[in-house]
């Protein structure tokens, strides 16, 4: 791969996204392929075997902010690594530009791995990227990942379903499209799902937690409903706080809980204390640099 493809421009996060350049090489196939790979919930060991194999044969890795940095070491030494991470209010690269990156690299003949935190199709915009590839007639594969929606509660000792406590689970986003007017989440249905004996899992909702809890209380979810907030779940930096629905937002603020974090609401949260297996395991793991 030519050196021109490796020209880098550092951004505010200290990452080094790469500007796309047309590469003039004679040994590249006419068209490449894109793998939309779920990297899992943050722990590098929770990537799937198929996802790891795709990563190990990549020419280009286009990755998000929540991907464990250790996974990037699994890519070949020649692979170009392109950071396109997003966080609330700060987008390194617009979604339309990410779509164009995937298409353009594949059109140059490269094997591209789009490495996304969790699962590509669970609040990951994987569907948007896949549609862009379809439109451009680019071959692609979807490699599902372990979603943080179920893995993070599990690492906090919270089964999202449990016989006698919860027979259903509902996943909603706490961070909605900035361009939308009003909420697209049916908070009345979300509250009813918990009242009816289910579990509610809210992804990416730390900043919006006061508003979310007020919505649920407005729709008659009991103030005493057990609630947990889990920060950086599945990693050695995991933090878990539990409280009632009415008090959890203030508790999270007092504990300075930050993104990435997941909120779990329902009776199953009461199991977090007796089933807190990961606290004992992580205590024996050397601390690494937080990402």
C-alpha atoms as a PDB file:
ATOM      1  CA  UNK A   1       0.000   0.000   0.000  1.00  0.00           C
ATOM      2  CA  UNK A   2       1.436   3.359  -0.982  1.00  0.00           C
ATOM      3  CA  UNK A   3       2.608   5.877   1.592  1.00  0.00           C
ATOM      4  CA  UNK A   4       0.154   8.479   0.300  1.00  0.00           C
ATOM      5  CA  UNK A   5      -2.672   6.493   1.836  1.00  0.00           C
ATOM      6  CA  UNK A   6      -1.084   6.937   5.246  1.00  0.00           C
ATOM      7  CA  UNK A   7      -1.072  10.742   5.356  1.00  0.00           C
ATOM      8  CA  UNK A   8      -2.591  11.715   8.688  1.00  0.00           C
ATOM      9  CA  UNK A   9      -4.262  14.748  10.216  1.00  0.00           C
ATOM     10  CA  UNK A  10      -4.516  14.799  14.016  1.00  0.00           C
ATOM     11  CA  UNK A  11      -7.862  15.837  15.507  1.00  0.00           C
ATOM     12  CA  UNK A  12      -8.917  17.194  18.884  1.00  0.00           C
ATOM     13  CA  UNK A  13      -9.120  13.730  20.408  1.00  0.00           C
ATOM     14  CA  UNK A  14      -5.485  12.979  19.711  1.00  0.00           C
ATOM     15  CA  UNK A  15      -6.561  10.340  17.195  1.00  0.00           C
ATOM     16  CA  UNK A  16      -5.273  10.407  13.657  1.00  0.00           C
ATOM     17  CA  UNK A  17      -7.989  10.052  11.013  1.00  0.00           C
ATOM     18  CA  UNK A  18      -6.721   9.554   7.490  1.00  0.00           C
ATOM     19  CA  UNK A  19      -7.692  11.590   4.456  1.00  0.00           C
ATOM     20  CA  UNK A  20      -8.591   9.312   1.574  1.00  0.00           C
ATOM     21  CA  UNK A  21      -6.243   9.392  -1.399  1.00  0.00           C
ATOM     22  CA  UNK A  22      -6.504   7.500  -4.657  1.00  0.00           C
ATOM     23  CA  UNK A  23      -3.779   4.908  -4.719  1.00  0.00           C
ATOM     24  CA  UNK A  24      -2.145   3.983  -7.979  1.00  0.00           C
ATOM     25  CA  UNK A  25      -1.116   0.358  -7.685  1.00  0.00           C
ATOM     26  CA  UNK A  26      -1.274  -2.392 -10.254  1.00  0.00           C
ATOM     27  CA  UNK A  27      -1.754  -5.402  -7.975  1.00  0.00           C
ATOM     28  CA  UNK A  28      -5.044  -4.378  -6.386  1.00  0.00           C
ATOM     29  CA  UNK A  29      -8.249  -6.179  -7.450  1.00  0.00           C
ATOM     30  CA  UNK A  30     -10.809  -4.043  -9.285  1.00  0.00           C
ATOM     31  CA  UNK A  31     -13.159  -3.952  -6.317  1.00  0.00           C
ATOM     32  CA  UNK A  32     -12.814  -4.727  -2.646  1.00  0.00           C
ATOM     33  CA  UNK A  33     -15.270  -5.719   0.046  1.00  0.00           C
ATOM     34  CA  UNK A  34     -16.552  -4.191   3.270  1.00  0.00           C
ATOM     35  CA  UNK A  35     -17.112  -6.088   6.517  1.00  0.00           C
ATOM     36  CA  UNK A  36     -19.415  -4.330   8.993  1.00  0.00           C
ATOM     37  CA  UNK A  37     -18.052  -5.847  12.201  1.00  0.00           C
ATOM     38  CA  UNK A  38     -19.397  -5.570  15.729  1.00  0.00           C
ATOM     39  CA  UNK A  39     -16.432  -5.135  18.082  1.00  0.00           C
ATOM     40  CA  UNK A  40     -18.425  -5.979  21.189  1.00  0.00           C
ATOM     41  CA  UNK A  41     -19.163  -3.917  24.313  1.00  0.00           C
ATOM     42  CA  UNK A  42     -15.643  -2.731  25.211  1.00  0.00           C
ATOM     43  CA  UNK A  43     -13.769  -5.795  26.405  1.00  0.00           C
ATOM     44  CA  UNK A  44     -11.454  -6.867  23.576  1.00  0.00           C
ATOM     45  CA  UNK A  45     -12.054 -10.554  24.303  1.00  0.00           C
ATOM     46  CA  UNK A  46     -15.772 -10.220  23.543  1.00  0.00           C
ATOM     47  CA  UNK A  47     -15.352  -9.790  19.784  1.00  0.00           C
ATOM     48  CA  UNK A  48     -16.613 -12.790  17.818  1.00  0.00           C
ATOM     49  CA  UNK A  49     -14.226 -15.203  16.138  1.00  0.00           C
ATOM     50  CA  UNK A  50     -15.572 -14.230  12.706  1.00  0.00           C
ATOM     51  CA  UNK A  51     -15.099 -10.556  13.513  1.00  0.00           C
ATOM     52  CA  UNK A  52     -11.519 -11.182  14.607  1.00  0.00           C
ATOM     53  CA  UNK A  53     -10.741 -13.108  11.419  1.00  0.00           C
ATOM     54  CA  UNK A  54     -12.114 -10.272   9.289  1.00  0.00           C
ATOM     55  CA  UNK A  55      -9.991  -7.774  11.206  1.00  0.00           C
ATOM     56  CA  UNK A  56      -6.869  -9.877  10.718  1.00  0.00           C
ATOM     57  CA  UNK A  57      -7.159  -9.709   6.926  1.00  0.00           C
ATOM     58  CA  UNK A  58      -8.108  -6.024   6.620  1.00  0.00           C
ATOM     59  CA  UNK A  59      -6.321  -3.505   4.427  1.00  0.00           C
ATOM     60  CA  UNK A  60      -8.247  -0.630   5.995  1.00  0.00           C
ATOM     61  CA  UNK A  61      -9.891  -0.429   9.435  1.00  0.00           C
ATOM     62  CA  UNK A  62     -12.475   2.316   9.939  1.00  0.00           C
ATOM     63  CA  UNK A  63     -13.209   2.384  13.671  1.00  0.00           C
ATOM     64  CA  UNK A  64     -15.319   4.130  16.294  1.00  0.00           C
ATOM     65  CA  UNK A  65     -14.547   5.811  19.610  1.00  0.00           C
ATOM     66  CA  UNK A  66     -15.819   2.938  21.767  1.00  0.00           C
ATOM     67  CA  UNK A  67     -13.741   0.236  20.075  1.00  0.00           C
ATOM     68  CA  UNK A  68     -11.121  -1.190  22.432  1.00  0.00           C
ATOM     69  CA  UNK A  69      -7.688   0.013  21.202  1.00  0.00           C
ATOM     70  CA  UNK A  70      -6.239  -3.464  21.802  1.00  0.00           C
ATOM     71  CA  UNK A  71      -8.318  -4.771  18.902  1.00  0.00           C
ATOM     72  CA  UNK A  72      -6.490  -2.507  16.457  1.00  0.00           C
ATOM     73  CA  UNK A  73      -3.306  -4.459  17.171  1.00  0.00           C
ATOM     74  CA  UNK A  74      -4.977  -7.484  15.573  1.00  0.00           C
ATOM     75  CA  UNK A  75      -5.029  -5.816  12.159  1.00  0.00           C
ATOM     76  CA  UNK A  76      -2.111  -6.501   9.781  1.00  0.00           C
ATOM     77  CA  UNK A  77       0.846  -4.151  10.112  1.00  0.00           C
ATOM     78  CA  UNK A  78       0.164  -2.722   6.644  1.00  0.00           C
ATOM     79  CA  UNK A  79      -3.469  -1.890   7.440  1.00  0.00           C
ATOM     80  CA  UNK A  80      -4.465   1.747   7.471  1.00  0.00           C
ATOM     81  CA  UNK A  81      -6.443   2.751  10.569  1.00  0.00           C
ATOM     82  CA  UNK A  82      -9.055   5.489  10.156  1.00  0.00           C
ATOM     83  CA  UNK A  83     -10.657   6.979  13.271  1.00  0.00           C
ATOM     84  CA  UNK A  84     -14.207   8.236  12.698  1.00  0.00           C
ATOM     85  CA  UNK A  85     -15.458   8.296  16.285  1.00  0.00           C
ATOM     86  CA  UNK A  86     -18.469  10.248  17.455  1.00  0.00           C
ATOM     87  CA  UNK A  87     -19.510  11.565  20.820  1.00  0.00           C
ATOM     88  CA  UNK A  88     -22.313  13.857  21.878  1.00  0.00           C
ATOM     89  CA  UNK A  89     -21.746  17.270  20.318  1.00  0.00           C
ATOM     90  CA  UNK A  90     -18.440  16.309  18.690  1.00  0.00           C
ATOM     91  CA  UNK A  91     -18.351  14.266  15.510  1.00  0.00           C
ATOM     92  CA  UNK A  92     -14.913  13.570  14.067  1.00  0.00           C
ATOM     93  CA  UNK A  93     -16.459  12.663  10.706  1.00  0.00           C
ATOM     94  CA  UNK A  94     -20.036  13.087   9.491  1.00  0.00           C
ATOM     95  CA  UNK A  95     -21.995   9.908   8.780  1.00  0.00           C
ATOM     96  CA  UNK A  96     -22.260  10.748   5.091  1.00  0.00           C
ATOM     97  CA  UNK A  97     -18.476  11.038   4.907  1.00  0.00           C
ATOM     98  CA  UNK A  98     -18.034   7.696   6.675  1.00  0.00           C
ATOM     99  CA  UNK A  99     -20.307   6.104   4.091  1.00  0.00           C
ATOM    100  CA  UNK A 100     -18.204   7.673   1.324  1.00  0.00           C
ATOM    101  CA  UNK A 101     -14.965   6.420   2.923  1.00  0.00           C
ATOM    102  CA  UNK A 102     -16.217   2.836   2.917  1.00  0.00           C
ATOM    103  CA  UNK A 103     -17.353   3.059  -0.690  1.00  0.00           C
ATOM    104  CA  UNK A 104     -14.192   4.757  -1.961  1.00  0.00           C
ATOM    105  CA  UNK A 105     -11.759   2.418  -0.231  1.00  0.00           C
ATOM    106  CA  UNK A 106     -13.660  -0.622  -1.511  1.00  0.00           C
ATOM    107  CA  UNK A 107     -13.751   0.815  -5.030  1.00  0.00           C
ATOM    108  CA  UNK A 108      -9.946   0.977  -4.894  1.00  0.00           C
ATOM    109  CA  UNK A 109      -9.880  -2.762  -4.253  1.00  0.00           C
ATOM    110  CA  UNK A 110      -9.230  -2.901  -0.522  1.00  0.00           C
ATOM    111  CA  UNK A 111     -10.688  -5.190   2.112  1.00  0.00           C
ATOM    112  CA  UNK A 112     -12.314  -2.760   4.532  1.00  0.00           C
ATOM    113  CA  UNK A 113     -13.373  -3.541   8.097  1.00  0.00           C
ATOM    114  CA  UNK A 114     -15.841  -1.089   9.563  1.00  0.00           C
ATOM    115  CA  UNK A 115     -15.269  -1.776  13.262  1.00  0.00           C
ATOM    116  CA  UNK A 116     -18.190  -0.622  15.376  1.00  0.00           C
ATOM    117  CA  UNK A 117     -18.751  -0.832  19.127  1.00  0.00           C
ATOM    118  CA  UNK A 118     -21.338  -3.398  20.235  1.00  0.00           C
ATOM    119  CA  UNK A 119     -23.418  -4.670  17.331  1.00  0.00           C
ATOM    120  CA  UNK A 120     -23.594  -2.763  14.015  1.00  0.00           C
ATOM    121  CA  UNK A 121     -27.390  -2.939  13.897  1.00  0.00           C
ATOM    122  CA  UNK A 122     -28.157  -1.943  17.516  1.00  0.00           C
ATOM    123  CA  UNK A 123     -28.103   1.880  17.542  1.00  0.00           C
ATOM    124  CA  UNK A 124     -24.912   1.677  15.490  1.00  0.00           C
ATOM    125  CA  UNK A 125     -26.022   3.088  12.124  1.00  0.00           C
ATOM    126  CA  UNK A 126     -24.897  -0.124  10.489  1.00  0.00           C
ATOM    127  CA  UNK A 127     -28.078  -0.176   8.436  1.00  0.00           C
ATOM    128  CA  UNK A 128     -27.286   3.254   6.985  1.00  0.00           C
ATOM    129  CA  UNK A 129     -23.796   2.166   6.012  1.00  0.00           C
ATOM    130  CA  UNK A 130     -25.056  -1.086   4.503  1.00  0.00           C
ATOM    131  CA  UNK A 131     -27.601   0.809   2.390  1.00  0.00           C
ATOM    132  CA  UNK A 132     -24.841   3.110   1.121  1.00  0.00           C
ATOM    133  CA  UNK A 133     -22.847   0.045   0.069  1.00  0.00           C
ATOM    134  CA  UNK A 134     -25.879  -1.447  -1.669  1.00  0.00           C
ATOM    135  CA  UNK A 135     -26.410   1.797  -3.567  1.00  0.00           C
ATOM    136  CA  UNK A 136     -22.779   1.753  -4.720  1.00  0.00           C
ATOM    137  CA  UNK A 137     -22.911  -1.980  -5.578  1.00  0.00           C
ATOM    138  CA  UNK A 138     -20.136  -2.775  -3.083  1.00  0.00           C
ATOM    139  CA  UNK A 139     -19.990  -6.363  -1.752  1.00  0.00           C
ATOM    140  CA  UNK A 140     -20.312  -6.504   2.014  1.00  0.00           C
ATOM    141  CA  UNK A 141     -20.896  -8.788   4.987  1.00  0.00           C
ATOM    142  CA  UNK A 142     -22.515  -8.105   8.342  1.00  0.00           C
ATOM    143  CA  UNK A 143     -20.646  -9.607  11.280  1.00  0.00           C
ATOM    144  CA  UNK A 144     -22.899  -9.297  14.349  1.00  0.00           C
ATOM    145  CA  UNK A 145     -21.311  -8.276  17.625  1.00  0.00           C
ATOM    146  CA  UNK A 146     -22.064  -8.791  21.304  1.00  0.00           C
ATOM    147  CA  UNK A 147     -24.349  -5.873  22.097  1.00  0.00           C
ATOM    148  CA  UNK A 148     -23.625  -3.740  25.137  1.00  0.00           C
ATOM    149  CA  UNK A 149     -27.394  -3.796  25.733  1.00  0.00           C
ATOM    150  CA  UNK A 150     -27.122  -7.314  27.147  1.00  0.00           C
ATOM    151  CA  UNK A 151     -23.402  -7.708  27.886  1.00  0.00           C
ATOM    152  CA  UNK A 152     -22.979  -4.659  30.111  1.00  0.00           C
ATOM    153  CA  UNK A 153     -25.879  -5.583  32.422  1.00  0.00           C
ATOM    154  CA  UNK A 154     -24.520  -9.142  32.555  1.00  0.00           C
ATOM    155  CA  UNK A 155     -21.118  -7.870  33.704  1.00  0.00           C
ATOM    156  CA  UNK A 156     -22.945  -5.912  36.406  1.00  0.00           C
ATOM    157  CA  UNK A 157     -24.697  -9.064  37.593  1.00  0.00           C
ATOM    158  CA  UNK A 158     -28.017  -8.084  36.009  1.00  0.00           C
ATOM    159  CA  UNK A 159     -29.747 -10.624  33.746  1.00  0.00           C
ATOM    160  CA  UNK A 160     -32.080  -8.635  31.503  1.00  0.00           C
ATOM    161  CA  UNK A 161     -34.610 -11.476  31.762  1.00  0.00           C
ATOM    162  CA  UNK A 162     -35.133 -13.728  34.772  1.00  0.00           C
ATOM    163  CA  UNK A 163     -37.896 -16.199  35.537  1.00  0.00           C
ATOM    164  CA  UNK A 164     -40.340 -14.699  38.001  1.00  0.00           C
ATOM    165  CA  UNK A 165     -38.931 -11.169  37.612  1.00  0.00           C
ATOM    166  CA  UNK A 166     -38.782 -10.218  33.932  1.00  0.00           C
ATOM    167  CA  UNK A 167     -40.154 -12.067  30.936  1.00  0.00           C
ATOM    168  CA  UNK A 168     -39.397  -9.362  28.366  1.00  0.00           C
ATOM    169  CA  UNK A 169     -36.829  -6.670  27.656  1.00  0.00           C
ATOM    170  CA  UNK A 170     -37.069  -3.380  25.763  1.00  0.00           C
ATOM    171  CA  UNK A 171     -34.091  -1.465  24.359  1.00  0.00           C
ATOM    172  CA  UNK A 172     -34.289   2.275  23.724  1.00  0.00           C
ATOM    173  CA  UNK A 173     -31.801   5.013  22.949  1.00  0.00           C
ATOM    174  CA  UNK A 174     -31.299   7.895  25.315  1.00  0.00           C
ATOM    175  CA  UNK A 175     -29.430   9.889  22.670  1.00  0.00           C
ATOM    176  CA  UNK A 176     -31.726  10.606  19.763  1.00  0.00           C
ATOM    177  CA  UNK A 177     -31.125  12.168  16.362  1.00  0.00           C
ATOM    178  CA  UNK A 178     -30.067  15.789  16.866  1.00  0.00           C
ATOM    179  CA  UNK A 179     -32.084  16.817  13.801  1.00  0.00           C
ATOM    180  CA  UNK A 180     -35.381  15.338  15.030  1.00  0.00           C
ATOM    181  CA  UNK A 181     -38.076  17.413  16.710  1.00  0.00           C
ATOM    182  CA  UNK A 182     -39.382  15.845  19.904  1.00  0.00           C
ATOM    183  CA  UNK A 183     -38.712  12.317  21.080  1.00  0.00           C
ATOM    184  CA  UNK A 184     -39.146   9.296  18.843  1.00  0.00           C
ATOM    185  CA  UNK A 185     -39.046   7.002  21.890  1.00  0.00           C
ATOM    186  CA  UNK A 186     -42.473   6.004  23.161  1.00  0.00           C
ATOM    187  CA  UNK A 187     -41.791   6.569  26.861  1.00  0.00           C
ATOM    188  CA  UNK A 188     -45.338   5.596  27.782  1.00  0.00           C
ATOM    189  CA  UNK A 189     -44.789   2.173  26.188  1.00  0.00           C
ATOM    190  CA  UNK A 190     -41.373   1.964  27.859  1.00  0.00           C
ATOM    191  CA  UNK A 191     -42.903   2.617  31.282  1.00  0.00           C
ATOM    192  CA  UNK A 192     -45.659   0.101  30.603  1.00  0.00           C
ATOM    193  CA  UNK A 193     -43.092  -2.541  29.631  1.00  0.00           C
ATOM    194  CA  UNK A 194     -41.573  -2.322  33.127  1.00  0.00           C
ATOM    195  CA  UNK A 195     -44.950  -2.150  34.877  1.00  0.00           C
ATOM    196  CA  UNK A 196     -45.924  -5.287  32.941  1.00  0.00           C
ATOM    197  CA  UNK A 197     -42.943  -7.213  34.317  1.00  0.00           C
ATOM    198  CA  UNK A 198     -40.233  -6.379  31.822  1.00  0.00           C
ATOM    199  CA  UNK A 199     -36.791  -4.771  31.831  1.00  0.00           C
ATOM    200  CA  UNK A 200     -35.977  -1.448  30.194  1.00  0.00           C
ATOM    201  CA  UNK A 201     -32.418  -0.866  28.939  1.00  0.00           C
ATOM    202  CA  UNK A 202     -31.486   2.681  27.935  1.00  0.00           C
ATOM    203  CA  UNK A 203     -28.324   3.127  25.880  1.00  0.00           C
ATOM    204  CA  UNK A 204     -26.350   6.364  25.642  1.00  0.00           C
ATOM    205  CA  UNK A 205     -28.562   8.319  28.024  1.00  0.00           C
ATOM    206  CA  UNK A 206     -26.297   9.733  30.737  1.00  0.00           C
ATOM    207  CA  UNK A 207     -26.842  13.423  29.998  1.00  0.00           C
ATOM    208  CA  UNK A 208     -30.539  12.863  29.407  1.00  0.00           C
ATOM    209  CA  UNK A 209     -31.072  10.750  32.539  1.00  0.00           C
ATOM    210  CA  UNK A 210     -33.043  13.420  34.471  1.00  0.00           C
ATOM    211  CA  UNK A 211     -35.385  13.893  31.509  1.00  0.00           C
ATOM    212  CA  UNK A 212     -35.716  10.140  30.939  1.00  0.00           C
ATOM    213  CA  UNK A 213     -36.596   9.382  34.556  1.00  0.00           C
ATOM    214  CA  UNK A 214     -39.126  12.211  34.631  1.00  0.00           C
ATOM    215  CA  UNK A 215     -40.787  10.840  31.506  1.00  0.00           C
ATOM    216  CA  UNK A 216     -41.067   7.380  33.034  1.00  0.00           C
ATOM    217  CA  UNK A 217     -42.409   8.754  36.316  1.00  0.00           C
ATOM    218  CA  UNK A 218     -44.912  10.835  34.345  1.00  0.00           C
ATOM    219  CA  UNK A 219     -46.225   7.636  32.796  1.00  0.00           C
ATOM    220  CA  UNK A 220     -46.815   6.037  36.188  1.00  0.00           C
ATOM    221  CA  UNK A 221     -43.687   3.981  36.649  1.00  0.00           C
ATOM    222  CA  UNK A 222     -43.215   3.685  40.407  1.00  0.00           C
ATOM    223  CA  UNK A 223     -40.566   5.988  41.925  1.00  0.00           C
ATOM    224  CA  UNK A 224     -39.249   2.986  43.889  1.00  0.00           C
ATOM    225  CA  UNK A 225     -38.458   0.971  40.735  1.00  0.00           C
ATOM    226  CA  UNK A 226     -34.912  -0.475  41.018  1.00  0.00           C
ATOM    227  CA  UNK A 227     -32.519   1.230  38.603  1.00  0.00           C
ATOM    228  CA  UNK A 228     -28.827   0.831  37.768  1.00  0.00           C
ATOM    229  CA  UNK A 229     -26.381   2.900  35.758  1.00  0.00           C
ATOM    230  CA  UNK A 230     -23.274   1.116  34.485  1.00  0.00           C
ATOM    231  CA  UNK A 231     -20.301   3.101  33.188  1.00  0.00           C
ATOM    232  CA  UNK A 232     -17.685   1.529  30.872  1.00  0.00           C
ATOM    233  CA  UNK A 233     -19.228  -1.886  31.331  1.00  0.00           C
ATOM    234  CA  UNK A 234     -17.186  -5.058  30.658  1.00  0.00           C
ATOM    235  CA  UNK A 235     -13.899  -3.151  31.057  1.00  0.00           C
ATOM    236  CA  UNK A 236     -11.618  -2.867  34.079  1.00  0.00           C
ATOM    237  CA  UNK A 237     -13.012   0.639  34.589  1.00  0.00           C
ATOM    238  CA  UNK A 238     -16.570  -0.576  35.065  1.00  0.00           C
ATOM    239  CA  UNK A 239     -18.577   1.343  37.655  1.00  0.00           C
ATOM    240  CA  UNK A 240     -22.060   0.385  38.816  1.00  0.00           C
ATOM    241  CA  UNK A 241     -24.459   2.469  40.863  1.00  0.00           C
ATOM    242  CA  UNK A 242     -27.958   1.407  41.902  1.00  0.00           C
ATOM    243  CA  UNK A 243     -30.847   3.377  43.347  1.00  0.00           C
ATOM    244  CA  UNK A 244     -34.546   3.978  42.856  1.00  0.00           C
ATOM    245  CA  UNK A 245     -35.854   5.466  39.639  1.00  0.00           C
ATOM    246  CA  UNK A 246     -36.697   8.697  41.455  1.00  0.00           C
ATOM    247  CA  UNK A 247     -33.170   9.117  42.856  1.00  0.00           C
ATOM    248  CA  UNK A 248     -30.900   7.601  40.207  1.00  0.00           C
ATOM    249  CA  UNK A 249     -30.297  10.800  38.209  1.00  0.00           C
ATOM    250  CA  UNK A 250     -29.079  12.722  41.255  1.00  0.00           C
ATOM    251  CA  UNK A 251     -27.018   9.719  42.354  1.00  0.00           C
ATOM    252  CA  UNK A 252     -25.343   9.460  38.938  1.00  0.00           C
ATOM    253  CA  UNK A 253     -24.564  13.184  38.987  1.00  0.00           C
ATOM    254  CA  UNK A 254     -23.081  12.956  42.490  1.00  0.00           C
ATOM    255  CA  UNK A 255     -20.892  10.018  41.421  1.00  0.00           C
ATOM    256  CA  UNK A 256     -19.862  11.879  38.236  1.00  0.00           C
ATOM    257  CA  UNK A 257     -20.971   9.038  36.004  1.00  0.00           C
ATOM    258  CA  UNK A 258     -20.030   9.761  32.406  1.00  0.00           C
ATOM    259  CA  UNK A 259     -20.516   8.285  28.966  1.00  0.00           C
ATOM    260  CA  UNK A 260     -20.349   5.520  27.880  1.00  0.00           C
ATOM    261  CA  UNK A 261     -22.963   4.230  30.281  1.00  0.00           C
ATOM    262  CA  UNK A 262     -26.109   2.139  30.184  1.00  0.00           C
ATOM    263  CA  UNK A 263     -29.182   2.424  32.399  1.00  0.00           C
ATOM    264  CA  UNK A 264     -31.182  -0.646  33.412  1.00  0.00           C
ATOM    265  CA  UNK A 265     -34.641  -0.282  34.949  1.00  0.00           C
ATOM    266  CA  UNK A 266     -36.745  -3.043  36.481  1.00  0.00           C
ATOM    267  CA  UNK A 267     -36.926  -5.744  39.140  1.00  0.00           C
ATOM    268  CA  UNK A 268     -33.861  -7.589  37.809  1.00  0.00           C
ATOM    269  CA  UNK A 269     -31.640  -4.757  39.049  1.00  0.00           C
ATOM    270  CA  UNK A 270     -32.092  -6.195  42.562  1.00  0.00           C
ATOM    271  CA  UNK A 271     -29.937  -9.153  41.476  1.00  0.00           C
ATOM    272  CA  UNK A 272     -26.903  -6.947  40.851  1.00  0.00           C
ATOM    273  CA  UNK A 273     -25.601  -7.228  44.409  1.00  0.00           C
ATOM    274  CA  UNK A 274     -25.704 -11.017  44.843  1.00  0.00           C
ATOM    275  CA  UNK A 275     -24.556 -11.610  41.246  1.00  0.00           C
ATOM    276  CA  UNK A 276     -21.765  -8.995  41.145  1.00  0.00           C
ATOM    277  CA  UNK A 277     -19.187 -11.481  39.862  1.00  0.00           C
ATOM    278  CA  UNK A 278     -17.072  -9.064  37.818  1.00  0.00           C
ATOM    279  CA  UNK A 279     -16.061  -6.887  40.754  1.00  0.00           C
ATOM    280  CA  UNK A 280     -14.050  -9.762  42.198  1.00  0.00           C
ATOM    281  CA  UNK A 281     -12.516 -10.644  38.829  1.00  0.00           C
ATOM    282  CA  UNK A 282     -11.588  -7.074  37.854  1.00  0.00           C
ATOM    283  CA  UNK A 283      -9.944  -6.434  41.208  1.00  0.00           C
ATOM    284  CA  UNK A 284      -7.160  -8.839  40.205  1.00  0.00           C
ATOM    285  CA  UNK A 285      -6.670  -7.344  36.702  1.00  0.00           C
ATOM    286  CA  UNK A 286      -3.932  -4.673  36.286  1.00  0.00           C
ATOM    287  CA  UNK A 287      -5.406  -1.277  35.388  1.00  0.00           C
ATOM    288  CA  UNK A 288      -4.728  -0.068  31.854  1.00  0.00           C
ATOM    289  CA  UNK A 289      -4.923   3.413  30.389  1.00  0.00           C
ATOM    290  CA  UNK A 290      -8.571   4.400  30.058  1.00  0.00           C
ATOM    291  CA  UNK A 291      -9.875   5.081  26.562  1.00  0.00           C
END
